[in-house]
């Protein structure tokens, strides 16, 4: 990151990738308000972009592209996430939840992270992004 970008605006860190991704997206989940990400507002897009840094250690693909994140809701500094695992008995659930908590707690505006693992609907390979399908050779 370019040190010259640090100024006295007091808005906190604004990673270029997060701002560009959030600004480019127009999707808004039900019940979640978004504002201009350049103002440092916590958005669904910023949460999802941060969650792309949580990887399934066996597959080497992030949980967003795998389709494991079902829902993201933001309300008064609380980020609520519904997620699943690739299989019911998958032992990495606690690791994934710990990584989600750790990453999201660093975002401006996050006071609490409420992550809930759900098993319905059951995950299937069709839920993966096109990039994840290509990386795993799933056609």
Protein backbone atom coordinates (compact mmCIF):
# COMPACT_ATOMS: atom_id res chain seq x y z
CA UNK A 1 0.00 0.00 0.00
CA UNK A 2 1.30 3.44 -0.85
CA UNK A 3 2.28 5.32 2.29
CA UNK A 4 1.44 8.61 0.55
CA UNK A 5 -2.25 7.69 0.77
CA UNK A 6 -2.23 8.23 4.55
CA UNK A 7 -3.69 11.64 5.18
CA UNK A 8 -5.48 13.50 7.96
CA UNK A 9 -9.05 12.75 6.87
CA UNK A 10 -9.50 10.39 9.82
CA UNK A 11 -11.55 7.93 7.78
CA UNK A 12 -9.34 4.93 8.57
CA UNK A 13 -7.84 2.51 6.11
CA UNK A 14 -9.49 2.21 2.71
CA UNK A 15 -7.91 -0.66 0.79
CA UNK A 16 -8.17 0.03 -2.93
CA UNK A 17 -9.46 -3.44 -3.72
CA UNK A 18 -12.28 -3.25 -1.20
CA UNK A 19 -13.35 0.22 -2.26
CA UNK A 20 -13.28 -0.65 -5.95
CA UNK A 21 -15.20 -3.88 -5.47
CA UNK A 22 -17.81 -2.31 -3.23
CA UNK A 23 -18.28 0.67 -5.53
CA UNK A 24 -18.65 -1.56 -8.59
CA UNK A 25 -21.34 -3.72 -7.03
CA UNK A 26 -24.99 -2.72 -7.07
CA UNK A 27 -26.38 -5.76 -5.26
CA UNK A 28 -28.02 -5.00 -1.92
CA UNK A 29 -29.27 -7.85 0.28
CA UNK A 30 -32.71 -7.63 1.83
CA UNK A 31 -32.72 -5.65 5.04
CA UNK A 32 -29.20 -4.29 4.64
CA UNK A 33 -28.59 -0.66 3.80
CA UNK A 34 -25.44 0.36 1.99
CA UNK A 35 -23.92 3.76 1.56
CA UNK A 36 -20.96 5.14 -0.32
CA UNK A 37 -18.05 2.80 0.54
CA UNK A 38 -15.59 5.65 0.03
CA UNK A 39 -16.99 7.16 3.22
CA UNK A 40 -15.86 4.11 5.24
CA UNK A 41 -19.36 2.69 5.60
CA UNK A 42 -19.57 -1.01 6.34
CA UNK A 43 -21.23 -2.78 3.40
CA UNK A 44 -22.12 -6.31 2.42
CA UNK A 45 -19.60 -6.06 -0.40
CA UNK A 46 -16.79 -5.16 2.00
CA UNK A 47 -17.69 -8.07 4.25
CA UNK A 48 -17.71 -10.51 1.33
CA UNK A 49 -14.43 -9.14 0.01
CA UNK A 50 -12.87 -9.64 3.45
CA UNK A 51 -14.27 -13.18 3.65
CA UNK A 52 -12.46 -14.00 0.41
CA UNK A 53 -9.38 -14.22 2.62
CA UNK A 54 -10.81 -17.26 4.45
CA UNK A 55 -9.76 -20.41 2.61
CA UNK A 56 -10.85 -24.00 2.82
CA UNK A 57 -7.47 -25.57 3.70
CA UNK A 58 -8.20 -28.80 1.83
CA UNK A 59 -9.41 -27.22 -1.41
CA UNK A 60 -7.35 -24.02 -1.34
CA UNK A 61 -10.36 -21.93 -2.45
CA UNK A 62 -11.95 -19.12 -0.47
CA UNK A 63 -15.30 -19.67 1.23
CA UNK A 64 -17.09 -17.01 -0.83
CA UNK A 65 -16.14 -18.54 -4.18
CA UNK A 66 -16.92 -22.00 -2.83
CA UNK A 67 -20.46 -20.78 -2.14
CA UNK A 68 -20.24 -21.48 1.58
CA UNK A 69 -21.46 -18.01 2.64
CA UNK A 70 -25.24 -18.03 2.44
CA UNK A 71 -26.19 -14.73 4.04
CA UNK A 72 -24.63 -11.49 5.26
CA UNK A 73 -26.64 -8.97 7.28
CA UNK A 74 -25.33 -5.78 8.82
CA UNK A 75 -27.12 -3.92 11.57
CA UNK A 76 -25.77 -1.37 14.07
CA UNK A 77 -22.19 -2.65 13.90
CA UNK A 78 -23.17 -6.31 14.07
CA UNK A 79 -22.29 -8.49 11.10
CA UNK A 80 -24.39 -11.63 10.97
CA UNK A 81 -23.18 -14.41 8.67
CA UNK A 82 -24.88 -17.66 7.78
CA UNK A 83 -22.45 -20.13 6.33
CA UNK A 84 -22.15 -23.82 5.67
CA UNK A 85 -19.47 -26.42 5.10
CA UNK A 86 -18.87 -28.67 2.12
CA UNK A 87 -19.85 -31.73 4.17
CA UNK A 88 -21.80 -32.21 7.38
CA UNK A 89 -18.90 -33.75 9.30
CA UNK A 90 -16.25 -31.37 7.98
CA UNK A 91 -13.72 -30.78 10.79
CA UNK A 92 -12.69 -27.28 9.63
CA UNK A 93 -15.85 -25.50 10.83
CA UNK A 94 -14.26 -24.00 13.96
CA UNK A 95 -11.19 -22.89 11.99
CA UNK A 96 -13.31 -21.14 9.36
CA UNK A 97 -15.42 -19.40 11.99
CA UNK A 98 -12.32 -18.27 13.87
CA UNK A 99 -10.83 -16.82 10.68
CA UNK A 100 -14.10 -15.03 9.86
CA UNK A 101 -14.21 -13.49 13.33
CA UNK A 102 -10.56 -12.41 13.13
CA UNK A 103 -10.79 -10.84 9.66
CA UNK A 104 -14.11 -9.08 10.09
CA UNK A 105 -13.21 -7.60 13.47
CA UNK A 106 -10.57 -5.49 11.70
CA UNK A 107 -13.10 -3.77 9.40
CA UNK A 108 -14.15 -0.24 10.32
CA UNK A 109 -17.61 -0.22 11.85
CA UNK A 110 -17.66 -3.86 13.00
CA UNK A 111 -18.45 -4.20 16.68
CA UNK A 112 -19.71 -7.78 16.76
CA UNK A 113 -19.51 -10.76 14.43
CA UNK A 114 -22.28 -13.33 14.73
CA UNK A 115 -21.38 -16.35 12.58
CA UNK A 116 -23.86 -19.21 12.40
CA UNK A 117 -23.15 -22.48 10.66
CA UNK A 118 -26.21 -23.98 8.99
CA UNK A 119 -26.62 -27.28 7.21
CA UNK A 120 -29.65 -26.40 5.09
CA UNK A 121 -29.67 -26.00 2.26
CA UNK A 122 -26.95 -28.58 1.84
CA UNK A 123 -23.92 -27.31 -0.08
CA UNK A 124 -23.35 -28.64 -3.58
CA UNK A 125 -20.64 -27.95 -6.20
CA UNK A 126 -23.14 -25.96 -8.27
CA UNK A 127 -22.95 -23.22 -5.60
CA UNK A 128 -19.33 -22.43 -6.49
CA UNK A 129 -18.31 -19.42 -8.55
CA UNK A 130 -17.13 -20.05 -12.10
CA UNK A 131 -13.56 -19.34 -10.95
CA UNK A 132 -13.76 -21.98 -8.21
CA UNK A 133 -15.27 -24.52 -10.61
CA UNK A 134 -12.45 -23.91 -13.08
CA UNK A 135 -9.78 -24.16 -10.37
CA UNK A 136 -11.17 -27.51 -9.22
CA UNK A 137 -11.81 -28.81 -12.74
CA UNK A 138 -15.58 -28.99 -12.16
CA UNK A 139 -17.52 -28.59 -15.40
